[in-house]
Structure formats: structure tokens, C-alpha cells
Amino acid sequence: MRLRDVRAGDLEAYVRMRCDPVMMAELGGPLPRETVEARLRKDLALTDADGAWIRMIVPDGAEDDEAVGAVTLWSDEEDGVTVSEIGWMVLPGYQGRGLAKAAVRLVLDAAAADGRWGEVHANPGTTNGPSNGICRALGFRLLGERDLDFADRVLRTNCWVVVPGEHVGSGTE
């Protein structure tokens, strides 16, 4: 598995991830294609400005344009404070292979080396067993449950936090 920056040619991967009812079941349901097209444009601008890391997941042996998921690290404001947040998704046919966990670990390793992100939060839905399992496995600490606004929806999430460099797989365990 390898990661690469998002690019304009990733629209169909974005649509497969964000417009599919199965993929978006934990995130309030599928998004309209127009919203996804706008999200890609925003993500490209954020990546170009180095305001977020949006990495596409490419499985071993696949061509570079065959992304099967994404992991994103960005800054957001919560309760008037800037925090770093990480999120990920992998297409159903590629789930259960450890791709998301490996991708999150790689991004956290890079964040530790970069040094600007501080504590990193993850907010998977309370019923999203696989994503909560990734947080547990990588050494995130559970802070509790919370309601989170996502794409004009309110989701019940678990709030996890980790300090890059102190996560499992960073050489500090």
C-alpha cells in the first residue's frame, strides 16, 4: 500500500466513496455528486496550500490512479480552539485488509516528523466498530462521546486523541 496526494483525476474515487450508501452509512448517508465535486475542488486547494494532507490510498500492485480510499489530516476549530483531526475511508471491496490502519499509521508518522499538528483527534461514529478499532489499535485515547456536525448532519461520535510520535507503530511502543 502506498499513499499519494489527492489530484483532480480522483473525482470518481471521491464519488465512489462519498455517494455510495454503504460507504456513507456511518456518516449519515450518501452525499450528492455536486457536493462531492465541490469537496474535491476544496481538497485540492487545501493540499496545494499545505493546509491539509489529503492522501489517497493505492493498494500494492495497483496503478497510481486506482485509489481505493483516503486518509486526511486537517485543522479544524472546536469550541473556539484549533485542533488537528484525522479521518479515513476505504471502499468496501478493500476493507478488512489493514489498508486504513496502515494509512493512518503512515500519516501519523509523517505528522510526528513534521511537528506542526500537535494532538490529533479522530471522531468515528459510535457504532463504527472498524474505525474505533483502528483508533484503539494505534494508541488513541478515548475522551468520550460527542455530537459532531458533518456535511449538514449531526453524528454521534467517539472522540479519540493521540500525540503523533506516541502512537503504536511509531517506534515508541
Protein backbone atom coordinates (compact mmCIF):
# COMPACT_ATOMS: atom_id res chain seq x y z
CA MET A 1 0.00 0.00 0.00
CA ARG A 2 1.17 3.50 -0.75
CA LEU A 3 -0.18 7.00 -0.25
CA ARG A 4 -0.17 9.87 -2.70
CA ASP A 5 -1.62 13.37 -2.68
CA VAL A 6 -5.15 13.84 -3.95
CA ARG A 7 -5.39 15.16 -7.51
CA ALA A 8 -8.06 16.36 -9.93
CA GLY A 9 -8.33 12.90 -11.52
CA ASP A 10 -9.63 11.46 -8.23
CA LEU A 11 -13.22 12.61 -8.79
CA GLU A 12 -14.54 9.10 -9.49
CA ALA A 13 -12.82 7.73 -6.37
CA TYR A 14 -14.41 10.57 -4.36
CA VAL A 15 -17.81 9.75 -5.86
CA ARG A 16 -17.40 6.01 -5.13
CA MET A 17 -16.50 6.81 -1.52
CA ARG A 18 -18.97 9.61 -0.74
CA CYS A 19 -22.04 8.91 -2.91
CA ASP A 20 -22.39 5.22 -2.01
CA PRO A 21 -24.98 4.36 0.66
CA VAL A 22 -22.82 1.55 2.10
CA MET A 23 -19.71 3.72 2.33
CA MET A 24 -21.62 6.59 3.90
CA ALA A 25 -23.84 4.57 6.27
CA GLU A 26 -21.86 5.74 9.33
CA LEU A 27 -21.77 9.33 8.05
CA GLY A 28 -25.48 9.98 7.61
CA GLY A 29 -25.95 8.57 4.11
CA PRO A 30 -24.65 9.34 0.62
CA LEU A 31 -23.81 12.87 -0.46
CA PRO A 32 -24.99 14.45 -3.73
CA ARG A 33 -22.43 14.28 -6.53
CA GLU A 34 -22.34 18.10 -6.78
CA THR A 35 -21.29 18.29 -3.12
CA VAL A 36 -18.54 15.74 -3.76
CA GLU A 37 -17.26 17.64 -6.80
CA ALA A 38 -17.07 20.81 -4.68
CA ARG A 39 -15.33 18.86 -1.89
CA LEU A 40 -12.64 17.66 -4.31
CA ARG A 41 -12.02 21.24 -5.50
CA LYS A 42 -11.73 22.38 -1.88
CA ASP A 43 -9.42 19.48 -1.02
CA LEU A 44 -7.16 20.24 -3.99
CA ALA A 45 -6.86 23.87 -2.87
CA LEU A 46 -6.12 22.82 0.73
CA THR A 47 -3.47 20.36 -0.45
CA ASP A 48 -1.87 22.93 -2.77
CA ALA A 49 -1.69 25.43 0.12
CA ASP A 50 -0.35 22.73 2.50
CA GLY A 51 -3.32 23.40 4.76
CA ALA A 52 -4.26 19.73 4.92
CA TRP A 53 -2.79 16.39 3.99
CA ILE A 54 -5.21 14.51 1.78
CA ARG A 55 -3.64 11.22 0.81
CA MET A 56 -5.20 8.68 -1.49
CA ILE A 57 -4.70 5.00 -0.62
CA VAL A 58 -3.37 2.91 -3.51
CA PRO A 59 -3.05 -0.85 -2.90
CA ASP A 60 0.12 -2.74 -3.77
CA GLY A 61 0.21 -3.72 -7.42
CA ALA A 62 -2.38 -1.12 -8.47
CA GLU A 63 -1.80 1.73 -10.88
CA ASP A 64 -1.32 5.15 -9.29
CA ASP A 65 -4.79 6.29 -10.41
CA GLU A 66 -6.53 3.29 -8.76
CA ALA A 67 -7.21 4.83 -5.35
CA VAL A 68 -9.38 2.72 -3.05
CA GLY A 69 -9.60 5.11 -0.13
CA ALA A 70 -8.26 8.20 1.52
CA VAL A 71 -6.80 9.42 4.79
CA THR A 72 -6.93 13.12 5.62
CA LEU A 73 -5.26 15.25 8.29
CA TRP A 74 -6.53 18.81 8.68
CA SER A 75 -7.00 21.60 11.19
CA ASP A 76 -10.46 22.47 12.42
CA GLU A 77 -11.98 24.66 15.09
CA GLU A 78 -13.74 23.05 18.05
CA ASP A 79 -15.18 25.20 20.82
CA GLY A 80 -13.04 28.15 19.72
CA VAL A 81 -9.79 26.15 19.72
CA THR A 82 -7.87 24.96 16.66
CA VAL A 83 -7.38 21.19 16.68
CA SER A 84 -5.95 18.69 14.24
CA GLU A 85 -8.25 15.94 13.04
CA ILE A 86 -7.71 12.78 11.04
CA GLY A 87 -10.29 10.81 9.09
CA TRP A 88 -10.21 7.90 6.68
CA MET A 89 -12.33 5.73 4.42
CA VAL A 90 -11.70 2.65 2.31
CA LEU A 91 -14.01 1.22 -0.36
CA PRO A 92 -15.99 -1.87 0.75
CA GLY A 93 -14.16 -4.30 -1.53
CA TYR A 94 -10.86 -3.35 0.12
CA GLN A 95 -11.97 -3.17 3.75
CA GLY A 96 -10.63 -5.69 6.25
CA ARG A 97 -7.17 -5.78 4.65
CA GLY A 98 -5.50 -3.35 7.05
CA LEU A 99 -5.23 -0.56 4.46
CA ALA A 100 -6.89 2.13 6.59
CA LYS A 101 -4.87 1.23 9.69
CA ALA A 102 -1.60 1.28 7.72
CA ALA A 103 -2.52 4.58 6.05
CA VAL A 104 -3.43 6.24 9.36
CA ARG A 105 -0.16 4.99 10.89
CA LEU A 106 1.85 6.42 7.96
CA VAL A 107 0.16 9.81 8.21
CA LEU A 108 0.69 9.92 12.00
CA ASP A 109 4.36 9.02 11.48
CA ALA A 110 4.66 11.89 8.97
CA ALA A 111 2.85 14.24 11.38
CA ALA A 112 5.32 13.33 14.13
CA ALA A 113 8.23 14.13 11.83
CA ASP A 114 6.58 17.38 10.66
CA GLY A 115 5.85 18.58 14.19
CA ARG A 116 3.13 21.15 13.43
CA TRP A 117 -0.04 19.17 14.05
CA GLY A 118 0.02 18.69 17.83
CA GLU A 119 -2.54 16.31 19.27
CA VAL A 120 -4.62 14.64 16.57
CA HIS A 121 -8.31 13.89 17.08
CA ALA A 122 -10.37 11.21 15.35
CA ASN A 123 -14.17 11.15 15.52
CA PRO A 124 -15.61 7.89 14.17
CA GLY A 125 -19.29 7.19 14.72
CA THR A 126 -20.03 5.41 17.98
CA THR A 127 -21.31 2.41 16.02
CA ASN A 128 -18.38 2.28 13.58
CA GLY A 129 -16.57 -0.73 15.04
CA PRO A 130 -13.75 -0.92 12.46
CA SER A 131 -12.76 2.74 12.74
CA ASN A 132 -12.98 2.72 16.53
CA GLY A 133 -10.82 -0.42 16.42
CA ILE A 134 -8.18 1.41 14.39
CA CYS A 135 -8.10 4.18 17.00
CA ARG A 136 -7.69 1.63 19.80
CA ALA A 137 -5.03 -0.34 17.91
CA LEU A 138 -2.96 2.76 17.13
CA GLY A 139 -2.91 4.05 20.70
CA PHE A 140 -5.51 6.80 20.53
CA ARG A 141 -7.06 7.67 23.91
CA LEU A 142 -10.87 7.79 24.11
CA LEU A 143 -12.09 11.11 25.50
CA GLY A 144 -15.80 10.26 25.29
CA GLU A 145 -18.81 10.65 23.03
CA ARG A 146 -19.98 13.84 21.36
CA ASP A 147 -22.28 15.19 18.67
CA LEU A 148 -20.42 16.36 15.59
CA ASP A 149 -21.62 18.35 12.59
CA PHE A 150 -20.66 16.67 9.32
CA ALA A 151 -21.98 17.69 5.90
CA ASP A 152 -25.03 19.40 7.42
CA ARG A 153 -25.75 16.35 9.58
CA VAL A 154 -25.28 15.73 13.28
CA LEU A 155 -23.47 12.48 14.04
CA ARG A 156 -22.92 10.78 17.39
CA THR A 157 -19.19 10.08 17.53
CA ASN A 158 -16.45 8.84 19.80
CA CYS A 159 -13.77 11.47 20.31
CA TRP A 160 -10.29 9.95 20.31
CA VAL A 161 -6.93 11.74 20.62
CA VAL A 162 -3.30 10.78 20.04
CA VAL A 163 0.00 12.62 20.00
CA PRO A 164 1.87 11.79 16.77
CA GLY A 165 5.07 10.02 17.72
CA GLU A 166 3.38 8.37 20.67
CA HIS A 167 1.04 6.17 18.61
CA VAL A 168 1.53 2.44 18.09
CA GLY A 169 3.90 1.79 15.23
CA SER A 170 5.88 4.99 15.75
CA GLY A 171 8.81 3.22 17.35
CA THR A 172 7.86 4.41 20.83
CA GLU A 173 5.75 1.44 21.91
